[in-house]
Amino acid sequence: MPRTIGHIVPDMTMSSRERQEQREIADAERDAIESLREVESDIREQAAGEQCGWLLGLADKMRDALKHL
């Protein structure tokens, strides 16, 4: 059984360059998701400090969207 890299199972017909590109894409996706989680956390923290319902609603929507990734 092929080894799973993130959510990608390498296809043995792919070249090593293509597999490397797939790994780079998966790494970039993970980094982007982590950055979005940090932004959501910062927004939530700011909303709590200012007691801003609009910002808190935005943070809630971001959290819900990130659950699907």
C-alpha atoms as a PDB file:
ATOM      1  CA  MET A   1       0.000   0.000   0.000  1.00  0.00           C
ATOM      2  CA  PRO A   2       1.432   3.413  -0.930  1.00  0.00           C
ATOM      3  CA  ARG A   3       2.400   5.790   1.830  1.00  0.00           C
ATOM      4  CA  THR A   4      -0.012   8.678   2.382  1.00  0.00           C
ATOM      5  CA  ILE A   5       1.465  12.176   2.336  1.00  0.00           C
ATOM      6  CA  GLY A   6      -1.064  14.511   3.902  1.00  0.00           C
ATOM      7  CA  HIS A   7      -4.229  13.777   1.964  1.00  0.00           C
ATOM      8  CA  ILE A   8      -2.319  12.668  -1.143  1.00  0.00           C
ATOM      9  CA  VAL A   9      -1.584   9.042  -1.996  1.00  0.00           C
ATOM     10  CA  PRO A  10       1.277   9.038  -4.494  1.00  0.00           C
ATOM     11  CA  ASP A  11       0.519   7.485  -7.848  1.00  0.00           C
ATOM     12  CA  MET A  12       3.434   5.265  -8.816  1.00  0.00           C
ATOM     13  CA  THR A  13       3.020   6.428 -12.423  1.00  0.00           C
ATOM     14  CA  MET A  14       3.914   9.972 -11.385  1.00  0.00           C
ATOM     15  CA  SER A  15       7.460  11.163 -11.800  1.00  0.00           C
ATOM     16  CA  SER A  16       9.479  12.171  -8.769  1.00  0.00           C
ATOM     17  CA  ARG A  17       9.124  15.794  -9.879  1.00  0.00           C
ATOM     18  CA  GLU A  18       5.329  15.489  -9.975  1.00  0.00           C
ATOM     19  CA  ARG A  19       5.307  13.849  -6.534  1.00  0.00           C
ATOM     20  CA  GLN A  20       7.509  16.672  -5.216  1.00  0.00           C
ATOM     21  CA  GLU A  21       5.100  19.243  -6.655  1.00  0.00           C
ATOM     22  CA  GLN A  22       2.193  17.449  -4.962  1.00  0.00           C
ATOM     23  CA  ARG A  23       4.045  17.518  -1.628  1.00  0.00           C
ATOM     24  CA  GLU A  24       4.767  21.226  -2.047  1.00  0.00           C
ATOM     25  CA  ILE A  25       1.101  21.921  -2.781  1.00  0.00           C
ATOM     26  CA  ALA A  26       0.019  19.939   0.286  1.00  0.00           C
ATOM     27  CA  ASP A  27       2.546  21.815   2.447  1.00  0.00           C
ATOM     28  CA  ALA A  28       1.335  25.163   1.105  1.00  0.00           C
ATOM     29  CA  GLU A  29      -2.283  24.185   1.827  1.00  0.00           C
ATOM     30  CA  ARG A  30      -1.407  23.242   5.408  1.00  0.00           C
ATOM     31  CA  ASP A  31       0.474  26.520   5.893  1.00  0.00           C
ATOM     32  CA  ALA A  32      -2.427  28.549   4.481  1.00  0.00           C
ATOM     33  CA  ILE A  33      -4.953  26.806   6.725  1.00  0.00           C
ATOM     34  CA  GLU A  34      -2.772  27.361   9.777  1.00  0.00           C
ATOM     35  CA  SER A  35      -2.433  31.047   8.884  1.00  0.00           C
ATOM     36  CA  LEU A  36      -6.201  31.364   8.536  1.00  0.00           C
ATOM     37  CA  ARG A  37      -6.661  29.726  11.936  1.00  0.00           C
ATOM     38  CA  GLU A  38      -4.292  32.282  13.453  1.00  0.00           C
ATOM     39  CA  VAL A  39      -6.213  35.142  11.799  1.00  0.00           C
ATOM     40  CA  GLU A  40      -9.496  33.715  13.118  1.00  0.00           C
ATOM     41  CA  SER A  41      -8.038  33.531  16.596  1.00  0.00           C
ATOM     42  CA  ASP A  42      -6.771  37.122  16.387  1.00  0.00           C
ATOM     43  CA  ILE A  43     -10.175  38.356  15.195  1.00  0.00           C
ATOM     44  CA  ARG A  44     -11.920  36.453  17.995  1.00  0.00           C
ATOM     45  CA  GLU A  45      -9.536  37.950  20.567  1.00  0.00           C
ATOM     46  CA  GLN A  46     -10.080  41.473  19.208  1.00  0.00           C
ATOM     47  CA  ALA A  47     -13.866  40.975  19.153  1.00  0.00           C
ATOM     48  CA  ALA A  48     -13.898  39.825  22.768  1.00  0.00           C
ATOM     49  CA  GLY A  49     -11.862  42.842  23.872  1.00  0.00           C
ATOM     50  CA  GLU A  50     -14.085  45.320  22.062  1.00  0.00           C
ATOM     51  CA  GLN A  51     -17.295  43.340  22.635  1.00  0.00           C
ATOM     52  CA  CYS A  52     -17.986  43.622  18.916  1.00  0.00           C
ATOM     53  CA  GLY A  53     -20.704  41.261  17.728  1.00  0.00           C
ATOM     54  CA  TRP A  54     -19.900  41.829  14.066  1.00  0.00           C
ATOM     55  CA  LEU A  55     -16.263  40.753  14.489  1.00  0.00           C
ATOM     56  CA  LEU A  56     -17.303  37.791  16.612  1.00  0.00           C
ATOM     57  CA  GLY A  57     -19.762  36.753  13.903  1.00  0.00           C
ATOM     58  CA  LEU A  58     -16.980  36.999  11.334  1.00  0.00           C
ATOM     59  CA  ALA A  59     -14.712  34.827  13.490  1.00  0.00           C
ATOM     60  CA  ASP A  60     -17.526  32.275  13.876  1.00  0.00           C
ATOM     61  CA  LYS A  61     -17.999  32.119  10.091  1.00  0.00           C
ATOM     62  CA  MET A  62     -14.249  31.665   9.597  1.00  0.00           C
ATOM     63  CA  ARG A  63     -14.158  28.879  12.194  1.00  0.00           C
ATOM     64  CA  ASP A  64     -17.076  27.099  10.502  1.00  0.00           C
ATOM     65  CA  ALA A  65     -15.394  27.385   7.093  1.00  0.00           C
ATOM     66  CA  LEU A  66     -12.079  26.085   8.457  1.00  0.00           C
ATOM     67  CA  LYS A  67     -13.805  23.010   9.909  1.00  0.00           C
ATOM     68  CA  HIS A  68     -14.538  21.890   6.343  1.00  0.00           C
ATOM     69  CA  LEU A  69     -10.887  22.053   5.262  1.00  0.00           C
END
